[in-house]
Amino acid sequence: MKTAKLKRGNIIFLIIIALLIIPQTRQPIQVLLHKGLSYINQSSLIEDGDRVELRNSNWSLKSDNGTVLEFNETRGKVVFINFWATWCPPCIAEMPSLQALYDDYYDVVEFLFVTNDDFKIVEGFKTKRNFDFEVFNSLNEMPQELLTRSIPRTYILNKKGEIVIDESGAVNWNSEKVRSQLDQLLRE
């Protein structure tokens, strides 16, 4: 009896490994896993004394609509910056929550979805998933304080240009906690 359970467990384990090896099933499984983890990974405000202010704001970005944004134009606004890629499972997992947050705050928060992906690939990705937020490519070197080696990476800046939230990995950005944090920043 014990050997039958052991064999069944081994078979299930091998099936899971096989599904993770096969490219067509690997990404959906990873996205599902990261979506679950996004509910555990919550954003938190950085304490006032530990906040970093962006010093170099000569960062230029070009949107998938062809417009150029000078980052220094965002001064005095709450800014939501998300670094992501179309091939990144945790990025894909958090995108629906980002779209929902964007839908409700796009007119009061400056959203910058920044990627290195080609805009043709981005447009296909957005169309397939019914996303309508604007996506940006960096035209020059970004501020040192925003350099990252991991994606997704999300920063939220207050109106003074200070980083008040710095999160790596998939997060449920459409949570009451995040909305409360944004509302608080907008009131400041």
Protein backbone atom coordinates (compact mmCIF):
# COMPACT_ATOMS: atom_id res chain seq x y z
CA MET A 1 0.00 0.00 0.00
CA LYS A 2 2.78 2.41 0.92
CA THR A 3 4.61 1.70 -2.34
CA ALA A 4 1.49 2.45 -4.39
CA LYS A 5 1.22 5.90 -2.73
CA LEU A 6 4.93 6.46 -3.27
CA LYS A 7 4.68 5.51 -6.96
CA ARG A 8 1.62 7.76 -7.42
CA GLY A 9 3.51 10.63 -5.77
CA ASN A 10 6.51 10.05 -8.03
CA ILE A 11 4.30 10.02 -11.12
CA ILE A 12 2.62 13.28 -10.10
CA PHE A 13 6.03 14.83 -9.42
CA LEU A 14 7.32 13.74 -12.85
CA ILE A 15 4.20 15.14 -14.56
CA ILE A 16 4.73 18.50 -12.84
CA ILE A 17 8.40 18.54 -13.87
CA ALA A 18 7.44 17.66 -17.45
CA LEU A 19 4.84 20.45 -17.55
CA LEU A 20 7.47 22.91 -16.35
CA ILE A 21 9.94 21.75 -19.01
CA ILE A 22 7.50 22.00 -21.93
CA PRO A 23 7.61 25.63 -23.15
CA GLN A 24 3.88 25.79 -23.98
CA THR A 25 2.84 24.89 -20.43
CA ARG A 26 5.73 26.38 -18.44
CA GLN A 27 4.73 30.04 -18.74
CA PRO A 28 1.02 29.59 -17.84
CA ILE A 29 1.99 27.54 -14.78
CA GLN A 30 4.56 30.14 -13.72
CA VAL A 31 2.05 32.97 -14.23
CA LEU A 32 -0.52 31.12 -12.12
CA LEU A 33 2.03 30.53 -9.36
CA HIS A 34 3.12 34.20 -9.35
CA LYS A 35 -0.51 35.36 -9.39
CA GLY A 36 -1.04 33.40 -6.18
CA LEU A 37 2.14 34.82 -4.67
CA SER A 38 1.06 38.36 -5.60
CA TYR A 39 -1.64 38.19 -2.94
CA ILE A 40 1.01 37.45 -0.31
CA ASN A 41 3.56 40.05 -1.49
CA GLN A 42 2.06 43.38 -0.39
CA SER A 43 3.37 46.89 -0.89
CA SER A 44 4.53 48.92 2.08
CA LEU A 45 5.39 52.58 2.49
CA ILE A 46 9.02 53.46 3.13
CA GLU A 47 9.46 55.41 6.39
CA ASP A 48 9.95 59.18 5.96
CA GLY A 49 13.61 59.14 7.06
CA ASP A 50 14.50 56.28 4.70
CA ARG A 51 13.01 57.74 1.52
CA VAL A 52 15.33 58.52 -1.39
CA GLU A 53 14.71 61.55 -3.58
CA LEU A 54 15.48 61.26 -7.28
CA ARG A 55 18.34 63.61 -8.06
CA ASN A 56 18.64 63.23 -11.84
CA SER A 57 15.37 63.84 -13.59
CA ASN A 58 16.75 64.30 -17.12
CA TRP A 59 15.24 60.96 -18.11
CA SER A 60 13.41 60.86 -21.44
CA LEU A 61 10.89 58.19 -22.38
CA LYS A 62 9.07 57.44 -25.61
CA SER A 63 5.59 55.92 -25.47
CA ASP A 64 4.05 53.30 -27.71
CA ASN A 65 1.86 56.17 -28.97
CA GLY A 66 4.95 58.01 -30.20
CA THR A 67 4.95 60.80 -27.62
CA VAL A 68 8.06 61.75 -25.69
CA LEU A 69 7.85 62.33 -21.95
CA GLU A 70 10.50 64.21 -20.04
CA PHE A 71 10.53 62.71 -16.56
CA ASN A 72 11.08 66.11 -14.92
CA GLU A 73 7.54 66.99 -16.13
CA THR A 74 6.18 64.56 -13.52
CA ARG A 75 7.48 66.66 -10.61
CA GLY A 76 4.63 67.57 -8.29
CA LYS A 77 2.65 64.44 -9.23
CA VAL A 78 2.31 61.00 -7.70
CA VAL A 79 4.21 58.73 -10.10
CA PHE A 80 3.77 54.96 -10.47
CA ILE A 81 6.71 53.36 -12.33
CA ASN A 82 6.59 49.68 -13.28
CA PHE A 83 9.53 47.98 -15.04
CA TRP A 84 8.35 44.85 -16.84
CA ALA A 85 8.63 42.65 -19.94
CA THR A 86 6.15 40.72 -22.07
CA TRP A 87 8.04 37.43 -21.53
CA CYS A 88 8.24 37.73 -17.71
CA PRO A 89 5.79 35.42 -15.84
CA PRO A 90 5.58 37.53 -12.63
CA CYS A 91 5.06 40.64 -14.80
CA ILE A 92 2.23 38.93 -16.67
CA ALA A 93 0.72 37.76 -13.37
CA GLU A 94 0.47 41.29 -11.94
CA MET A 95 -0.65 43.05 -15.15
CA PRO A 96 -4.43 42.57 -14.66
CA SER A 97 -4.20 44.23 -11.24
CA LEU A 98 -2.11 47.03 -12.74
CA GLN A 99 -4.70 47.59 -15.47
CA ALA A 100 -7.50 47.75 -12.89
CA LEU A 101 -5.55 50.26 -10.79
CA TYR A 102 -4.70 52.28 -13.90
CA ASP A 103 -8.38 52.36 -14.93
CA ASP A 104 -9.30 54.10 -11.68
CA TYR A 105 -6.26 56.37 -11.16
CA TYR A 106 -4.91 57.26 -14.64
CA ASP A 107 -6.23 60.80 -14.42
CA VAL A 108 -4.61 61.61 -11.03
CA VAL A 109 -1.47 59.43 -10.99
CA GLU A 110 1.27 59.44 -13.64
CA PHE A 111 1.68 55.79 -14.71
CA LEU A 112 4.92 54.79 -16.44
CA PHE A 113 4.99 51.19 -17.64
CA VAL A 114 8.61 50.88 -18.78
CA THR A 115 9.99 48.02 -20.86
CA ASN A 116 12.89 47.27 -23.18
CA ASP A 117 10.60 45.21 -25.42
CA ASP A 118 9.93 46.34 -28.99
CA PHE A 119 6.66 48.24 -29.29
CA LYS A 120 5.33 45.78 -31.93
CA ILE A 121 5.65 42.97 -29.39
CA VAL A 122 4.13 45.18 -26.68
CA GLU A 123 1.14 46.05 -28.86
CA GLY A 124 0.46 42.35 -29.57
CA PHE A 125 0.73 41.61 -25.85
CA LYS A 126 -1.63 44.46 -24.93
CA THR A 127 -4.16 43.58 -27.63
CA LYS A 128 -4.25 39.89 -26.67
CA ARG A 129 -4.94 40.76 -23.03
CA ASN A 130 -7.13 43.88 -23.53
CA PHE A 131 -4.69 46.25 -21.80
CA ASP A 132 -4.88 49.91 -22.78
CA PHE A 133 -2.24 51.62 -20.64
CA GLU A 134 0.56 53.53 -22.33
CA VAL A 135 3.97 51.77 -22.40
CA PHE A 136 7.34 53.50 -22.51
CA ASN A 137 10.87 52.76 -23.68
CA SER A 138 13.73 54.67 -22.13
CA LEU A 139 15.51 57.03 -24.55
CA ASN A 140 18.48 57.73 -22.28
CA GLU A 141 19.90 56.72 -18.94
CA MET A 142 17.33 56.57 -16.18
CA PRO A 143 17.94 58.03 -12.73
CA GLN A 144 20.47 55.97 -10.76
CA GLU A 145 17.93 55.42 -7.97
CA LEU A 146 15.65 53.51 -10.36
CA LEU A 147 18.26 51.15 -11.81
CA THR A 148 17.20 47.55 -11.31
CA ARG A 149 18.34 44.12 -12.37
CA SER A 150 15.05 42.39 -11.60
CA ILE A 151 11.57 42.65 -13.05
CA PRO A 152 8.88 43.32 -12.25
CA ARG A 153 10.09 46.22 -10.16
CA THR A 154 7.69 48.95 -9.12
CA TYR A 155 8.35 52.33 -7.58
CA ILE A 156 5.82 54.85 -6.40
CA LEU A 157 7.02 58.42 -5.97
CA ASN A 158 5.31 61.09 -3.93
CA LYS A 159 4.81 64.65 -5.17
CA LYS A 160 8.26 65.63 -3.85
CA GLY A 161 9.93 63.02 -6.09
CA GLU A 162 10.76 60.67 -3.21
CA ILE A 163 10.53 56.90 -3.59
CA VAL A 164 7.83 55.91 -1.11
CA ILE A 165 7.21 52.36 -2.36
CA ASP A 166 9.83 50.02 -3.85
CA GLU A 167 8.62 46.49 -4.59
CA SER A 168 10.12 43.59 -6.54
CA GLY A 169 8.12 40.64 -7.79
CA ALA A 170 4.45 40.27 -8.54
CA VAL A 171 2.11 42.28 -6.32
CA ASN A 172 -1.66 42.61 -6.34
CA TRP A 173 -1.66 46.34 -7.13
CA ASN A 174 -5.45 46.54 -7.16
CA SER A 175 -5.74 45.93 -3.42
CA GLU A 176 -7.44 48.17 -0.88
CA LYS A 177 -4.05 48.70 0.78
CA VAL A 178 -2.46 50.11 -2.40
CA ARG A 179 -5.50 52.24 -3.14
CA SER A 180 -5.36 53.63 0.39
CA GLN A 181 -1.64 54.35 -0.03
CA LEU A 182 -2.25 56.17 -3.32
CA ASP A 183 -5.14 58.15 -1.84
CA GLN A 184 -2.90 59.21 1.05
CA LEU A 185 -0.13 60.31 -1.34
CA LEU A 186 -2.59 62.27 -3.46
CA ARG A 187 -3.82 64.17 -0.37
CA GLU A 188 -0.27 65.20 0.67
